[in-house]
Every structure is written in structure tokens, then in C-alpha cells.
């Protein structure tokens, strides 16, 4: 299929841009899953260039309902990590003049939950850390102010 060829070309592009091997690997994984979605639900679509806005939006809805191994809906952060490479692939296809417009440009990233810090320092630990920061120079004063601001 032409999906794999396009994915390979895009991943090569990412490599030339200096992306880390892990980023390239993750993008490839997400794009292959997107290609599998297209092959499963839209068997007549054989290239990314034939993907429409409706198909991209269907994929976003599909991702919204995905569950993890425990049967829970995946987090919005995970959904965004799956959508990001798809959006970027289509942007790249447009810049390569292989598509006129980006069918994924209307995909919206989902609001991510703000997580609280799990291991908060005790009052005694905070005092110990504060007293260990030297304040005899501007860098030490800055560090102490930053720490105080963070734990106020």
C-alpha cells in the first residue's frame, strides 16, 4: 500500500529535521494505526492524499472512544499524542504539494487534565531544602525565590 511508502518518506523527513529516534518511532506507530483505521473503515481509500476532512474527523471520534488495557477511556493527553502525528503528516503533505489542503486542520486537540503533584514535601523537608540554598550570590537568591514561589 502507498500508506507505508508515505509514512516512510515522512519519517525520513523527521529524521532530517533532527527529531529523536523515539519521536520518529512514536510518529510511525501512530501513523500506521491511522492507516489501519483507514484500511478497515474506508477500504477504497488507498493513499493519504485521498483522505478527506470527514475521514480525519471520523478518526478523531474513533480515538475519543478508545480504551486502554484496563477498559478505561484513554486520557486526553494520549488522544492528543495519537492525533498530533496525523495533523503533522497532512501539513507536510501540503508543503510537499501532494495535497491542496490539509484535511486534518480542523481536528482539535482535547483539553488535558491538570494533574496534581503526588509527592509533596513536608513542612520540615521544605525548610531543609530552603536552608540548603546559598543566598550569598544572585543565583542563590533567585533559586531560593523560585523555590519559595513554587512551594508557597
N, C-alpha and C. Protein backbone atom coordinates (compact mmCIF):
# COMPACT_ATOMS: atom_id res chain seq x y z
N UNK A 1 0.84 -1.20 0.00
CA UNK A 1 0.00 0.00 0.00
C UNK A 1 0.88 1.25 0.00
N UNK A 2 0.31 2.32 -0.51
CA UNK A 2 1.04 3.58 -0.56
C UNK A 2 1.13 4.24 0.82
N UNK A 3 0.31 3.77 1.77
CA UNK A 3 0.39 4.34 3.11
C UNK A 3 1.80 4.17 3.68
N UNK A 4 2.32 2.95 3.60
CA UNK A 4 3.64 2.68 4.16
C UNK A 4 4.73 3.49 3.49
N UNK A 5 4.62 3.67 2.20
CA UNK A 5 5.61 4.47 1.46
C UNK A 5 5.59 5.91 1.94
N UNK A 6 4.39 6.47 2.07
CA UNK A 6 4.28 7.86 2.52
C UNK A 6 4.76 8.00 3.95
N UNK A 7 4.42 7.04 4.81
CA UNK A 7 4.89 7.09 6.20
C UNK A 7 6.41 7.06 6.24
N UNK A 8 7.02 6.20 5.46
CA UNK A 8 8.49 6.11 5.42
C UNK A 8 9.11 7.43 4.97
N UNK A 9 8.55 8.05 3.94
CA UNK A 9 9.06 9.33 3.46
C UNK A 9 8.94 10.40 4.52
N UNK A 10 7.79 10.42 5.22
CA UNK A 10 7.57 11.42 6.27
C UNK A 10 8.53 11.20 7.44
N UNK A 11 8.73 9.95 7.84
CA UNK A 11 9.64 9.67 8.94
C UNK A 11 11.07 10.04 8.58
N UNK A 12 11.43 9.83 7.32
CA UNK A 12 12.75 10.24 6.85
C UNK A 12 12.89 11.76 6.96
N UNK A 13 11.83 12.47 6.59
CA UNK A 13 11.80 13.93 6.72
C UNK A 13 12.02 14.34 8.18
N UNK A 14 11.36 13.64 9.10
CA UNK A 14 11.52 13.96 10.53
C UNK A 14 12.96 13.74 10.97
N UNK A 15 13.58 12.67 10.45
CA UNK A 15 14.97 12.40 10.78
C UNK A 15 15.89 13.51 10.30
N UNK A 16 15.64 14.01 9.10
CA UNK A 16 16.46 15.10 8.55
C UNK A 16 16.27 16.39 9.34
N UNK A 17 15.11 16.53 9.97
CA UNK A 17 14.84 17.73 10.77
C UNK A 17 15.43 17.64 12.17
N UNK A 18 16.02 16.49 12.51
CA UNK A 18 16.69 16.35 13.80
C UNK A 18 15.82 15.80 14.91
N UNK A 19 14.66 15.23 14.58
CA UNK A 19 13.83 14.63 15.62
C UNK A 19 14.54 13.41 16.20
N UNK A 20 14.26 13.13 17.46
CA UNK A 20 14.90 11.98 18.12
C UNK A 20 14.36 10.68 17.55
N UNK A 21 15.16 9.62 17.63
CA UNK A 21 14.68 8.32 17.15
C UNK A 21 13.38 7.88 17.83
N UNK A 22 13.22 8.18 19.11
CA UNK A 22 12.00 7.79 19.82
C UNK A 22 10.79 8.55 19.28
N UNK A 23 10.95 9.82 18.96
CA UNK A 23 9.87 10.61 18.39
C UNK A 23 9.47 10.04 17.03
N UNK A 24 10.47 9.73 16.22
CA UNK A 24 10.21 9.19 14.89
C UNK A 24 9.48 7.85 15.01
N UNK A 25 9.94 7.02 15.93
CA UNK A 25 9.30 5.72 16.15
C UNK A 25 7.84 5.88 16.59
N UNK A 26 7.60 6.81 17.52
CA UNK A 26 6.23 7.04 18.00
C UNK A 26 5.33 7.57 16.89
N UNK A 27 5.84 8.50 16.10
CA UNK A 27 5.05 9.03 14.98
C UNK A 27 4.71 7.91 14.00
N UNK A 28 5.69 7.08 13.72
CA UNK A 28 5.45 5.97 12.80
C UNK A 28 4.37 5.03 13.33
N UNK A 29 4.43 4.72 14.60
CA UNK A 29 3.43 3.84 15.21
C UNK A 29 2.02 4.44 15.09
N UNK A 30 1.90 5.73 15.43
CA UNK A 30 0.58 6.38 15.37
C UNK A 30 0.07 6.49 13.94
N UNK A 31 0.96 6.75 13.00
CA UNK A 31 0.54 6.86 11.60
C UNK A 31 0.14 5.50 11.02
N UNK A 32 0.83 4.45 11.43
CA UNK A 32 0.44 3.11 10.97
C UNK A 32 -0.94 2.73 11.52
N UNK A 33 -1.22 3.15 12.75
CA UNK A 33 -2.55 2.88 13.32
C UNK A 33 -3.62 3.69 12.58
N UNK A 34 -3.28 4.90 12.17
CA UNK A 34 -4.22 5.71 11.39
C UNK A 34 -4.46 5.03 10.04
N UNK A 35 -3.40 4.55 9.41
CA UNK A 35 -3.53 3.85 8.12
C UNK A 35 -4.40 2.60 8.29
N UNK A 36 -4.24 1.89 9.39
CA UNK A 36 -5.06 0.69 9.66
C UNK A 36 -6.53 1.07 9.81
N UNK A 37 -6.77 2.20 10.46
CA UNK A 37 -8.14 2.70 10.60
C UNK A 37 -8.75 2.94 9.23
N UNK A 38 -8.00 3.60 8.35
CA UNK A 38 -8.50 3.89 7.00
C UNK A 38 -8.76 2.59 6.24
N UNK A 39 -7.80 1.67 6.30
CA UNK A 39 -7.97 0.39 5.58
C UNK A 39 -9.19 -0.37 6.09
N UNK A 40 -9.45 -0.29 7.37
CA UNK A 40 -10.58 -1.03 7.95
C UNK A 40 -11.92 -0.39 7.62
N UNK A 41 -12.02 0.92 7.79
CA UNK A 41 -13.31 1.60 7.64
C UNK A 41 -13.52 2.26 6.28
N UNK A 42 -12.44 2.51 5.56
CA UNK A 42 -12.53 3.15 4.24
C UNK A 42 -11.65 2.38 3.25
N UNK A 43 -11.99 1.15 2.92
CA UNK A 43 -11.12 0.31 2.10
C UNK A 43 -10.84 0.86 0.70
N UNK A 44 -11.68 1.76 0.21
CA UNK A 44 -11.44 2.33 -1.13
C UNK A 44 -10.37 3.43 -1.12
N UNK A 45 -10.05 3.92 0.05
CA UNK A 45 -9.00 4.95 0.18
C UNK A 45 -7.67 4.22 0.29
N UNK A 46 -6.78 4.47 -0.66
CA UNK A 46 -5.51 3.74 -0.69
C UNK A 46 -4.29 4.63 -0.49
N UNK A 47 -4.50 5.94 -0.39
CA UNK A 47 -3.39 6.86 -0.14
C UNK A 47 -3.84 7.92 0.85
N UNK A 48 -2.88 8.50 1.54
CA UNK A 48 -3.22 9.60 2.45
C UNK A 48 -3.76 10.80 1.67
N UNK A 49 -3.28 10.96 0.44
CA UNK A 49 -3.72 12.11 -0.37
C UNK A 49 -5.21 12.05 -0.67
N UNK A 50 -5.82 10.89 -0.55
CA UNK A 50 -7.26 10.75 -0.82
C UNK A 50 -8.11 10.92 0.44
N UNK A 51 -7.49 11.14 1.58
CA UNK A 51 -8.23 11.30 2.83
C UNK A 51 -8.94 12.66 2.83
N UNK A 52 -10.18 12.65 3.28
CA UNK A 52 -10.98 13.87 3.33
C UNK A 52 -11.10 14.36 4.77
N UNK A 53 -11.63 15.54 4.90
CA UNK A 53 -11.88 16.13 6.22
C UNK A 53 -12.80 15.22 7.03
N UNK A 54 -13.81 14.65 6.40
CA UNK A 54 -14.75 13.77 7.10
C UNK A 54 -14.05 12.54 7.66
N UNK A 55 -13.12 11.97 6.90
CA UNK A 55 -12.39 10.80 7.38
C UNK A 55 -11.51 11.18 8.58
N UNK A 56 -10.84 12.32 8.48
CA UNK A 56 -10.00 12.78 9.59
C UNK A 56 -10.84 13.00 10.85
N UNK A 57 -12.01 13.59 10.68
CA UNK A 57 -12.89 13.83 11.83
C UNK A 57 -13.44 12.51 12.38
N UNK A 58 -13.71 11.54 11.51
CA UNK A 58 -14.13 10.22 11.97
C UNK A 58 -13.03 9.58 12.82
N UNK A 59 -11.79 9.77 12.42
CA UNK A 59 -10.67 9.22 13.18
C UNK A 59 -10.60 9.86 14.57
N UNK A 60 -10.83 11.16 14.62
CA UNK A 60 -10.82 11.82 15.92
C UNK A 60 -11.93 11.26 16.82
N UNK A 61 -13.09 11.02 16.26
CA UNK A 61 -14.18 10.42 17.05
C UNK A 61 -13.82 9.00 17.47
N UNK A 62 -13.18 8.27 16.57
CA UNK A 62 -12.74 6.91 16.88
C UNK A 62 -11.76 6.92 18.06
N UNK A 63 -10.81 7.83 18.03
CA UNK A 63 -9.83 7.94 19.12
C UNK A 63 -10.52 8.32 20.43
N UNK A 64 -11.53 9.17 20.34
CA UNK A 64 -12.22 9.62 21.55
C UNK A 64 -12.82 8.46 22.34
N UNK A 65 -13.14 7.38 21.65
CA UNK A 65 -13.75 6.22 22.32
C UNK A 65 -12.78 5.10 22.65
N UNK A 66 -11.50 5.27 22.34
CA UNK A 66 -10.53 4.19 22.59
C UNK A 66 -10.38 3.93 24.08
N UNK A 67 -10.15 2.66 24.40
CA UNK A 67 -9.97 2.26 25.80
C UNK A 67 -8.59 1.65 25.97
N UNK A 68 -8.07 1.75 27.18
CA UNK A 68 -6.77 1.14 27.48
C UNK A 68 -6.96 -0.32 27.88
N UNK A 69 -5.89 -0.96 28.32
CA UNK A 69 -5.94 -2.37 28.67
C UNK A 69 -6.87 -2.66 29.86
N UNK A 70 -7.10 -1.66 30.69
CA UNK A 70 -7.98 -1.84 31.85
C UNK A 70 -9.43 -1.53 31.53
N UNK A 71 -9.71 -1.21 30.27
CA UNK A 71 -11.08 -0.93 29.86
C UNK A 71 -11.52 0.49 30.11
N UNK A 72 -10.59 1.37 30.47
CA UNK A 72 -10.91 2.78 30.71
C UNK A 72 -10.63 3.59 29.44
N UNK A 73 -11.41 4.64 29.23
CA UNK A 73 -11.17 5.53 28.10
C UNK A 73 -9.80 6.16 28.28
N UNK A 74 -9.01 6.21 27.21
CA UNK A 74 -7.66 6.77 27.31
C UNK A 74 -7.72 8.26 27.63
N UNK A 75 -6.65 8.76 28.21
CA UNK A 75 -6.61 10.16 28.63
C UNK A 75 -6.58 11.09 27.41
N UNK A 76 -6.95 12.33 27.66
CA UNK A 76 -6.90 13.33 26.58
C UNK A 76 -5.47 13.54 26.09
N UNK A 77 -4.50 13.43 26.99
CA UNK A 77 -3.10 13.57 26.58
C UNK A 77 -2.72 12.48 25.58
N UNK A 78 -3.17 11.26 25.84
CA UNK A 78 -2.89 10.15 24.93
C UNK A 78 -3.60 10.35 23.60
N UNK A 79 -4.83 10.83 23.65
CA UNK A 79 -5.58 11.11 22.42
C UNK A 79 -4.83 12.14 21.58
N UNK A 80 -4.33 13.17 22.25
CA UNK A 80 -3.59 14.22 21.54
C UNK A 80 -2.30 13.68 20.92
N UNK A 81 -1.64 12.75 21.62
CA UNK A 81 -0.41 12.15 21.08
C UNK A 81 -0.70 11.32 19.84
N UNK A 82 -1.90 10.77 19.75
CA UNK A 82 -2.28 9.99 18.58
C UNK A 82 -2.68 10.91 17.41
N UNK A 83 -3.28 12.04 17.72
CA UNK A 83 -3.73 12.98 16.68
C UNK A 83 -2.59 13.83 16.11
N UNK A 84 -1.64 14.18 16.97
CA UNK A 84 -0.57 15.08 16.55
C UNK A 84 0.16 14.64 15.29
N UNK A 85 0.64 13.41 15.24
CA UNK A 85 1.36 12.97 14.03
C UNK A 85 0.48 12.99 12.78
N UNK A 86 -0.81 12.75 12.94
CA UNK A 86 -1.73 12.77 11.79
C UNK A 86 -1.82 14.20 11.25
N UNK A 87 -2.01 15.15 12.14
CA UNK A 87 -2.07 16.55 11.72
C UNK A 87 -0.78 16.97 11.04
N UNK A 88 0.35 16.59 11.65
CA UNK A 88 1.65 16.98 11.10
C UNK A 88 1.93 16.32 9.76
N UNK A 89 1.51 15.07 9.60
CA UNK A 89 1.70 14.39 8.32
C UNK A 89 0.98 15.15 7.21
N UNK A 90 -0.27 15.52 7.45
CA UNK A 90 -1.02 16.22 6.41
C UNK A 90 -0.46 17.61 6.13
N UNK A 91 0.02 18.29 7.16
CA UNK A 91 0.68 19.58 6.93
C UNK A 91 1.89 19.40 6.03
N UNK A 92 2.65 18.34 6.29
CA UNK A 92 3.82 18.05 5.48
C UNK A 92 3.42 17.74 4.04
N UNK A 93 2.36 16.95 3.86
CA UNK A 93 1.89 16.62 2.50
C UNK A 93 1.50 17.89 1.74
N UNK A 94 0.91 18.85 2.44
CA UNK A 94 0.55 20.13 1.79
C UNK A 94 1.82 20.88 1.40
N UNK A 95 2.81 20.93 2.31
CA UNK A 95 4.04 21.66 1.97
C UNK A 95 4.82 20.99 0.84
N UNK A 96 4.60 19.69 0.65
CA UNK A 96 5.24 18.95 -0.45
C UNK A 96 4.44 19.04 -1.75
N UNK A 97 3.36 19.81 -1.73
CA UNK A 97 2.47 19.97 -2.88
C UNK A 97 1.85 18.64 -3.32
N UNK A 98 1.65 17.76 -2.37
CA UNK A 98 0.99 16.50 -2.67
C UNK A 98 -0.50 16.56 -2.35
N UNK A 99 -0.89 17.61 -1.63
CA UNK A 99 -2.30 17.87 -1.34
C UNK A 99 -2.52 19.37 -1.44
N UNK A 100 -3.74 19.75 -1.78
CA UNK A 100 -4.06 21.18 -1.88
C UNK A 100 -4.38 21.75 -0.51
N UNK A 101 -5.11 20.98 0.30
CA UNK A 101 -5.45 21.47 1.64
C UNK A 101 -5.30 20.33 2.65
N UNK A 102 -5.19 20.72 3.90
CA UNK A 102 -4.97 19.79 4.98
C UNK A 102 -6.32 19.33 5.55
N UNK A 103 -6.70 18.06 5.35
CA UNK A 103 -7.99 17.59 5.84
C UNK A 103 -8.03 17.48 7.37
N UNK A 104 -6.87 17.52 8.01
CA UNK A 104 -6.82 17.39 9.46
C UNK A 104 -6.70 18.73 10.18
N UNK A 105 -6.73 19.83 9.42
CA UNK A 105 -6.52 21.13 10.07
C UNK A 105 -7.65 21.50 11.03
N UNK A 106 -8.82 20.91 10.87
CA UNK A 106 -9.92 21.23 11.77
C UNK A 106 -9.95 20.32 13.01
N UNK A 107 -9.06 19.33 13.06
CA UNK A 107 -9.01 18.48 14.25
C UNK A 107 -8.55 19.32 15.43
N UNK A 108 -9.22 19.16 16.52
CA UNK A 108 -8.95 19.98 17.70
C UNK A 108 -8.33 19.10 18.78
N UNK A 109 -7.23 19.60 19.34
CA UNK A 109 -6.64 18.88 20.46
C UNK A 109 -7.59 18.99 21.66
N UNK A 110 -7.63 17.94 22.43
CA UNK A 110 -8.53 17.90 23.58
C UNK A 110 -7.85 18.50 24.79
N UNK A 111 -8.65 19.12 25.65
CA UNK A 111 -8.12 19.74 26.85
C UNK A 111 -7.56 18.65 27.75
N UNK A 112 -6.31 18.86 28.18
CA UNK A 112 -5.67 17.87 29.03
C UNK A 112 -5.91 18.20 30.49
N UNK A 113 -6.08 17.15 31.28
CA UNK A 113 -6.30 17.31 32.71
C UNK A 113 -5.04 17.84 33.37
N UNK A 114 -5.23 18.71 34.35
CA UNK A 114 -4.12 19.21 35.15
C UNK A 114 -3.95 18.27 36.33
N UNK A 115 -2.83 17.60 36.39
CA UNK A 115 -2.60 16.64 37.46
C UNK A 115 -1.85 17.30 38.61
N UNK A 116 -2.22 16.90 39.81
CA UNK A 116 -1.53 17.40 41.00
C UNK A 116 -0.27 16.58 41.25
N UNK A 117 0.69 17.23 41.88
CA UNK A 117 1.92 16.55 42.25
C UNK A 117 1.59 15.52 43.33
N UNK A 118 2.10 14.33 43.18
CA UNK A 118 1.78 13.26 44.14
C UNK A 118 2.63 13.34 45.40
N UNK A 119 3.91 13.60 45.24
CA UNK A 119 4.82 13.60 46.39
C UNK A 119 5.17 15.04 46.75
N UNK A 120 4.40 15.61 47.65
CA UNK A 120 4.63 16.98 48.08
C UNK A 120 5.54 16.94 49.31
N UNK A 121 6.49 17.86 49.36
CA UNK A 121 7.40 17.91 50.50
C UNK A 121 6.65 18.27 51.77
N UNK A 122 7.09 17.70 52.88
CA UNK A 122 6.52 18.08 54.18
C UNK A 122 7.07 19.46 54.54
N UNK A 123 6.50 20.06 55.58
CA UNK A 123 6.96 21.38 56.02
C UNK A 123 8.43 21.32 56.44
N UNK A 124 8.80 20.26 57.13
CA UNK A 124 10.18 20.11 57.59
C UNK A 124 11.14 19.92 56.40
N UNK A 125 10.74 19.12 55.41
CA UNK A 125 11.57 18.92 54.22
C UNK A 125 11.73 20.22 53.45
N UNK A 126 10.66 21.00 53.39
CA UNK A 126 10.72 22.29 52.70
C UNK A 126 11.72 23.22 53.39
N UNK A 127 11.68 23.26 54.73
CA UNK A 127 12.63 24.11 55.48
C UNK A 127 14.07 23.64 55.23
N UNK A 128 14.28 22.33 55.22
CA UNK A 128 15.62 21.78 54.99
C UNK A 128 16.14 22.20 53.62
N UNK A 129 15.30 22.08 52.61
CA UNK A 129 15.72 22.46 51.26
C UNK A 129 16.00 23.96 51.19
N UNK A 130 15.10 24.76 51.77
CA UNK A 130 15.29 26.22 51.75
C UNK A 130 16.59 26.62 52.44
N UNK A 131 16.88 26.00 53.57
CA UNK A 131 18.09 26.37 54.31
C UNK A 131 19.36 25.91 53.58
N UNK A 132 19.22 24.94 52.69
CA UNK A 132 20.41 24.45 51.97
C UNK A 132 20.74 25.30 50.74
N UNK A 133 19.87 26.20 50.36
CA UNK A 133 20.12 27.03 49.18
C UNK A 133 20.95 28.23 49.61
N UNK A 134 22.17 28.36 49.05
CA UNK A 134 23.01 29.51 49.43
C UNK A 134 22.41 30.81 48.90
N UNK A 135 22.46 31.84 49.76
CA UNK A 135 21.87 33.13 49.36
C UNK A 135 22.92 34.23 49.33
N UNK A 136 24.16 33.87 49.18
CA UNK A 136 25.24 34.87 49.18
C UNK A 136 25.51 35.46 47.81
N UNK A 137 24.84 34.91 46.78
CA UNK A 137 25.05 35.43 45.43
C UNK A 137 23.68 35.55 44.74
N UNK A 138 23.63 36.28 43.64
CA UNK A 138 22.35 36.49 42.95
C UNK A 138 21.68 35.19 42.48
N UNK A 139 22.47 34.21 42.06
CA UNK A 139 21.88 32.95 41.60
C UNK A 139 21.21 32.23 42.76
N UNK A 140 21.85 32.21 43.90
CA UNK A 140 21.26 31.58 45.07
C UNK A 140 19.98 32.27 45.50
N UNK A 141 19.99 33.61 45.48
CA UNK A 141 18.77 34.35 45.82
C UNK A 141 17.64 34.04 44.85
N UNK A 142 18.00 33.96 43.56
CA UNK A 142 17.00 33.62 42.56
C UNK A 142 16.42 32.23 42.80
N UNK A 143 17.32 31.27 43.05
CA UNK A 143 16.87 29.90 43.28
C UNK A 143 15.97 29.80 44.51
N UNK A 144 16.32 30.50 45.56
CA UNK A 144 15.50 30.48 46.77
C UNK A 144 14.14 31.11 46.50
N UNK A 145 14.12 32.22 45.76
CA UNK A 145 12.85 32.88 45.44
C UNK A 145 11.97 31.96 44.57
N UNK A 146 12.59 31.29 43.61
CA UNK A 146 11.83 30.36 42.77
C UNK A 146 11.25 29.22 43.60
N UNK A 147 12.05 28.68 44.49
CA UNK A 147 11.59 27.57 45.33
C UNK A 147 10.44 28.04 46.25
N UNK A 148 10.62 29.20 46.85
CA UNK A 148 9.56 29.74 47.72
C UNK A 148 8.28 29.98 46.94
N UNK A 149 8.43 30.51 45.74
CA UNK A 149 7.25 30.75 44.91
C UNK A 149 6.54 29.44 44.57
N UNK A 150 7.33 28.42 44.27
CA UNK A 150 6.77 27.12 43.88
C UNK A 150 6.04 26.43 45.04
N UNK A 151 6.56 26.61 46.25
CA UNK A 151 6.01 25.90 47.40
C UNK A 151 5.25 26.83 48.36
N UNK A 152 4.92 28.02 47.91
CA UNK A 152 4.18 28.95 48.79
C UNK A 152 2.75 28.47 49.03
